[in-house]
C-alpha atoms as a PDB file:
ATOM      1  CA  MET A   1     -84.623  11.398  55.702  1.00  0.00           C
ATOM      2  CA  VAL A   2     -88.059  12.713  56.590  1.00  0.00           C
ATOM      3  CA  GLN A   3     -90.396  10.841  58.936  1.00  0.00           C
ATOM      4  CA  GLY A   4     -88.210   7.764  58.448  1.00  0.00           C
ATOM      5  CA  ILE A   5     -88.363   7.866  54.650  1.00  0.00           C
ATOM      6  CA  THR A   6     -85.379   8.653  52.463  1.00  0.00           C
ATOM      7  CA  ILE A   7     -86.222  11.421  50.024  1.00  0.00           C
ATOM      8  CA  ASP A   8     -84.402  11.443  46.695  1.00  0.00           C
ATOM      9  CA  PHE A   9     -83.306  15.006  45.955  1.00  0.00           C
ATOM     10  CA  SER A  10     -80.565  13.966  43.526  1.00  0.00           C
ATOM     11  CA  SER A  11     -79.894  15.984  40.399  1.00  0.00           C
ATOM     12  CA  PHE A  12     -81.654  13.258  38.365  1.00  0.00           C
ATOM     13  CA  ALA A  13     -84.800  13.384  40.554  1.00  0.00           C
ATOM     14  CA  ILE A  14     -84.994  17.171  40.348  1.00  0.00           C
ATOM     15  CA  ASN A  15     -84.426  17.228  36.584  1.00  0.00           C
ATOM     16  CA  HIS A  16     -87.088  14.533  36.196  1.00  0.00           C
ATOM     17  CA  LEU A  17     -89.573  16.546  38.295  1.00  0.00           C
ATOM     18  CA  PHE A  18     -88.995  19.737  36.250  1.00  0.00           C
ATOM     19  CA  SER A  19     -88.628  17.838  32.907  1.00  0.00           C
ATOM     20  CA  THR A  20     -85.236  19.533  32.391  1.00  0.00           C
ATOM     21  CA  PRO A  21     -82.259  17.922  30.718  1.00  0.00           C
ATOM     22  CA  THR A  22     -79.113  16.730  32.406  1.00  0.00           C
ATOM     23  CA  VAL A  23     -76.099  18.590  31.066  1.00  0.00           C
ATOM     24  CA  ASP A  24     -73.510  15.922  30.370  1.00  0.00           C
ATOM     25  CA  GLU A  25     -70.815  18.211  28.991  1.00  0.00           C
ATOM     26  CA  PRO A  26     -68.134  19.655  31.258  1.00  0.00           C
ATOM     27  CA  ASN A  27     -69.877  21.985  33.652  1.00  0.00           C
ATOM     28  CA  ASP A  28     -69.137  25.458  32.250  1.00  0.00           C
ATOM     29  CA  PHE A  29     -71.553  26.923  34.739  1.00  0.00           C
ATOM     30  CA  GLU A  30     -69.567  25.679  37.729  1.00  0.00           C
ATOM     31  CA  ALA A  31     -66.383  27.058  36.200  1.00  0.00           C
ATOM     32  CA  SER A  32     -68.044  30.426  35.505  1.00  0.00           C
ATOM     33  CA  ILE A  33     -69.202  30.870  39.088  1.00  0.00           C
ATOM     34  CA  GLN A  34     -65.810  29.919  40.511  1.00  0.00           C
ATOM     35  CA  SER A  35     -64.158  32.884  38.815  1.00  0.00           C
ATOM     36  CA  PRO A  36     -66.916  35.161  37.492  1.00  0.00           C
ATOM     37  CA  PRO A  37     -66.158  38.362  35.599  1.00  0.00           C
ATOM     38  CA  SER A  38     -66.288  41.625  37.490  1.00  0.00           C
ATOM     39  CA  LEU A  39     -69.657  43.082  38.426  1.00  0.00           C
ATOM     40  CA  GLU A  40     -68.855  45.945  36.067  1.00  0.00           C
ATOM     41  CA  THR A  41     -68.488  43.494  33.159  1.00  0.00           C
ATOM     42  CA  ILE A  42     -71.625  41.586  34.196  1.00  0.00           C
ATOM     43  CA  SER A  43     -73.672  44.798  34.551  1.00  0.00           C
ATOM     44  CA  LYS A  44     -72.904  45.719  30.943  1.00  0.00           C
ATOM     45  CA  THR A  45     -74.790  42.568  29.900  1.00  0.00           C
ATOM     46  CA  ILE A  46     -77.647  42.439  32.380  1.00  0.00           C
ATOM     47  CA  CYS A  47     -78.382  46.142  33.009  1.00  0.00           C
ATOM     48  CA  LYS A  48     -80.044  48.819  30.859  1.00  0.00           C
ATOM     49  CA  VAL A  49     -77.501  51.274  32.180  1.00  0.00           C
ATOM     50  CA  PRO A  50     -74.939  50.076  34.709  1.00  0.00           C
ATOM     51  CA  PRO A  51     -75.697  51.530  38.129  1.00  0.00           C
ATOM     52  CA  PRO A  52     -73.621  54.664  38.835  1.00  0.00           C
ATOM     53  CA  LYS A  53     -72.151  53.112  41.964  1.00  0.00           C
ATOM     54  CA  LEU A  54     -71.765  49.333  41.936  1.00  0.00           C
ATOM     55  CA  ASP A  55     -72.311  47.705  45.314  1.00  0.00           C
ATOM     56  CA  PRO A  56     -70.011  44.651  45.499  1.00  0.00           C
ATOM     57  CA  LYS A  57     -72.854  42.589  47.050  1.00  0.00           C
ATOM     58  CA  CYS A  58     -75.839  43.335  44.781  1.00  0.00           C
ATOM     59  CA  ILE A  59     -77.336  45.218  41.832  1.00  0.00           C
ATOM     60  CA  PRO A  60     -80.685  47.091  41.970  1.00  0.00           C
ATOM     61  CA  ARG A  61     -83.444  45.216  40.159  1.00  0.00           C
ATOM     62  CA  SER A  62     -84.609  48.477  38.600  1.00  0.00           C
ATOM     63  CA  SER A  63     -81.461  48.605  36.495  1.00  0.00           C
ATOM     64  CA  LEU A  64     -81.989  45.203  34.830  1.00  0.00           C
ATOM     65  CA  ILE A  65     -82.905  44.784  31.169  1.00  0.00           C
ATOM     66  CA  ASN A  66     -86.326  43.184  30.610  1.00  0.00           C
ATOM     67  CA  GLU A  67     -84.948  39.744  29.725  1.00  0.00           C
ATOM     68  CA  ALA A  68     -82.832  39.698  32.901  1.00  0.00           C
ATOM     69  CA  TRP A  69     -85.869  40.728  34.962  1.00  0.00           C
ATOM     70  CA  ASP A  70     -87.933  37.891  33.459  1.00  0.00           C
ATOM     71  CA  TRP A  71     -85.221  35.368  34.317  1.00  0.00           C
ATOM     72  CA  LEU A  72     -84.832  36.873  37.798  1.00  0.00           C
ATOM     73  CA  HIS A  73     -88.525  36.233  38.480  1.00  0.00           C
ATOM     74  CA  PHE A  74     -88.075  32.585  37.508  1.00  0.00           C
ATOM     75  CA  ILE A  75     -84.849  32.295  39.531  1.00  0.00           C
ATOM     76  CA  ASN A  76     -86.479  33.778  42.653  1.00  0.00           C
ATOM     77  CA  ALA A  77     -89.471  31.436  42.335  1.00  0.00           C
ATOM     78  CA  GLN A  78     -87.678  28.216  41.374  1.00  0.00           C
ATOM     79  CA  LEU A  79     -83.860  28.244  41.642  1.00  0.00           C
ATOM     80  CA  TYR A  80     -82.728  30.683  44.263  1.00  0.00           C
ATOM     81  CA  PRO A  81     -85.718  31.369  46.500  1.00  0.00           C
ATOM     82  CA  SER A  82     -85.955  35.015  47.518  1.00  0.00           C
ATOM     83  CA  SER A  83     -88.774  37.351  48.345  1.00  0.00           C
ATOM     84  CA  ASP A  84     -86.583  40.469  47.994  1.00  0.00           C
ATOM     85  CA  LEU A  85     -87.248  41.861  44.534  1.00  0.00           C
ATOM     86  CA  SER A  86     -85.560  45.215  45.041  1.00  0.00           C
ATOM     87  CA  GLU A  87     -81.950  43.996  44.729  1.00  0.00           C
ATOM     88  CA  VAL A  88     -80.217  41.076  43.087  1.00  0.00           C
ATOM     89  CA  SER A  89     -77.568  39.330  45.221  1.00  0.00           C
ATOM     90  CA  LYS A  90     -74.105  38.696  43.805  1.00  0.00           C
ATOM     91  CA  ASP A  91     -74.958  34.983  43.416  1.00  0.00           C
ATOM     92  CA  GLY A  92     -78.142  35.917  41.556  1.00  0.00           C
ATOM     93  CA  VAL A  93     -76.266  38.375  39.373  1.00  0.00           C
ATOM     94  CA  VAL A  94     -73.745  35.707  38.369  1.00  0.00           C
ATOM     95  CA  LEU A  95     -76.552  33.221  37.657  1.00  0.00           C
ATOM     96  CA  LEU A  96     -78.439  35.772  35.526  1.00  0.00           C
ATOM     97  CA  TYR A  97     -75.284  36.608  33.614  1.00  0.00           C
ATOM     98  CA  ALA A  98     -74.558  32.919  32.909  1.00  0.00           C
ATOM     99  CA  ILE A  99     -78.110  32.346  31.657  1.00  0.00           C
ATOM    100  CA  LEU A 100     -78.096  35.413  29.438  1.00  0.00           C
ATOM    101  CA  ILE A 101     -74.770  34.571  27.768  1.00  0.00           C
ATOM    102  CA  GLY A 102     -75.920  30.953  27.180  1.00  0.00           C
ATOM    103  CA  VAL A 103     -73.777  28.984  29.646  1.00  0.00           C
ATOM    104  CA  PRO A 104     -75.345  25.477  29.876  1.00  0.00           C
ATOM    105  CA  LEU A 105     -76.940  24.984  33.303  1.00  0.00           C
ATOM    106  CA  ASP A 106     -77.980  21.648  34.741  1.00  0.00           C
ATOM    107  CA  ILE A 107     -80.889  22.854  36.903  1.00  0.00           C
ATOM    108  CA  GLY A 108     -81.078  19.620  38.904  1.00  0.00           C
ATOM    109  CA  HIS A 109     -77.386  19.803  39.693  1.00  0.00           C
ATOM    110  CA  TYR A 110     -77.643  23.455  40.655  1.00  0.00           C
ATOM    111  CA  ILE A 111     -80.632  22.942  42.964  1.00  0.00           C
ATOM    112  CA  HIS A 112     -79.163  19.764  44.483  1.00  0.00           C
ATOM    113  CA  ASN A 113     -75.955  21.610  45.382  1.00  0.00           C
ATOM    114  CA  ALA A 114     -77.897  24.523  46.817  1.00  0.00           C
ATOM    115  CA  ILE A 115     -79.942  22.154  49.017  1.00  0.00           C
ATOM    116  CA  LEU A 116     -76.714  20.505  50.275  1.00  0.00           C
ATOM    117  CA  LYS A 117     -75.224  23.921  51.103  1.00  0.00           C
ATOM    118  CA  SER A 118     -78.373  24.963  52.953  1.00  0.00           C
ATOM    119  CA  ALA A 119     -78.467  21.796  55.079  1.00  0.00           C
ATOM    120  CA  ARG A 120     -76.661  23.691  57.856  1.00  0.00           C
ATOM    121  CA  GLY A 121     -78.929  26.734  57.733  1.00  0.00           C
ATOM    122  CA  GLY A 122     -82.526  27.507  56.793  1.00  0.00           C
ATOM    123  CA  MET A 123     -84.421  25.345  54.369  1.00  0.00           C
ATOM    124  CA  SER A 124     -84.086  26.327  50.725  1.00  0.00           C
ATOM    125  CA  PHE A 125     -86.569  25.236  48.096  1.00  0.00           C
ATOM    126  CA  PRO A 126     -89.390  24.334  50.546  1.00  0.00           C
ATOM    127  CA  SER A 127     -91.927  23.888  47.721  1.00  0.00           C
ATOM    128  CA  LEU A 128     -89.633  21.505  45.818  1.00  0.00           C
ATOM    129  CA  ILE A 129     -88.850  19.496  48.984  1.00  0.00           C
ATOM    130  CA  THR A 130     -92.564  19.287  49.749  1.00  0.00           C
ATOM    131  CA  VAL A 131     -93.278  17.897  46.269  1.00  0.00           C
ATOM    132  CA  LEU A 132     -90.423  15.354  46.538  1.00  0.00           C
ATOM    133  CA  CYS A 133     -91.794  14.240  49.941  1.00  0.00           C
ATOM    134  CA  GLN A 134     -95.287  13.882  48.466  1.00  0.00           C
ATOM    135  CA  GLN A 135     -93.893  11.731  45.666  1.00  0.00           C
ATOM    136  CA  GLU A 136     -92.583   9.364  48.351  1.00  0.00           C
ATOM    137  CA  GLY A 137     -96.066   9.165  49.928  1.00  0.00           C
ATOM    138  CA  LEU A 138     -95.505  11.524  52.862  1.00  0.00           C
ATOM    139  CA  GLU A 139     -98.561  13.447  53.956  1.00  0.00           C
ATOM    140  CA  ASN A 140     -98.484  16.954  55.443  1.00  0.00           C
ATOM    141  CA  LEU A 141     -99.032  16.973  59.157  1.00  0.00           C
ATOM    142  CA  SER A 142    -101.981  18.944  60.548  1.00  0.00           C
ATOM    143  CA  ARG A 143     -99.630  21.470  62.139  1.00  0.00           C
ATOM    144  CA  ASP A 144     -97.686  22.073  58.900  1.00  0.00           C
ATOM    145  CA  GLU A 145     -98.134  25.498  57.394  1.00  0.00           C
ATOM    146  CA  LEU A 146     -97.986  25.473  53.608  1.00  0.00           C
ATOM    147  CA  ILE A 147     -97.147  28.793  51.996  1.00  0.00           C
ATOM    148  CA  LYS A 148     -97.689  29.075  48.243  1.00  0.00           C
ATOM    149  CA  PRO A 149     -95.081  31.261  46.448  1.00  0.00           C
ATOM    150  CA  ASN A 150     -96.318  34.190  44.463  1.00  0.00           C
ATOM    151  CA  THR A 151     -95.064  33.452  40.972  1.00  0.00           C
ATOM    152  CA  THR A 152     -97.412  35.809  39.156  1.00  0.00           C
ATOM    153  CA  ILE A 153     -95.718  38.151  36.761  1.00  0.00           C
ATOM    154  CA  ASN A 154     -97.471  41.495  36.912  1.00  0.00           C
ATOM    155  CA  GLU A 155     -96.758  45.247  37.237  1.00  0.00           C
ATOM    156  CA  GLU A 156     -95.713  44.873  40.880  1.00  0.00           C
ATOM    157  CA  ASN A 157     -93.418  41.902  40.311  1.00  0.00           C
END
């Protein structure tokens, strides 16, 4: 609830906003993140050359194949907000791997669950939540600071 108004951030509302399909089949993505392959196996798919020493928490962005880097940019801007582009977290690595091997992903379900998990900590998906609030007629307050994400793909990003 925001300013006394209930905001719908259900999987359906998020999929509707992004015009993405609901995945009705058994959720292979959820199963794949519960018991993902080893980082060594994943790095063979998402990296040009697997890093010489695999950190169990992340993979350097510089080692990613081009397709993985393109997806990472989208993930950082829309699915798993992050401004750190030098390394890919273990969660991000697993998500990239699932996308690259074609595991069906219900984006609305994924984002909805991430918002629920973040309810105890910092706010995830601030741009999405702002749009959902605006759809319900909420106006930004004069003291609100709106920060636009940099989603430009260029040499630096």
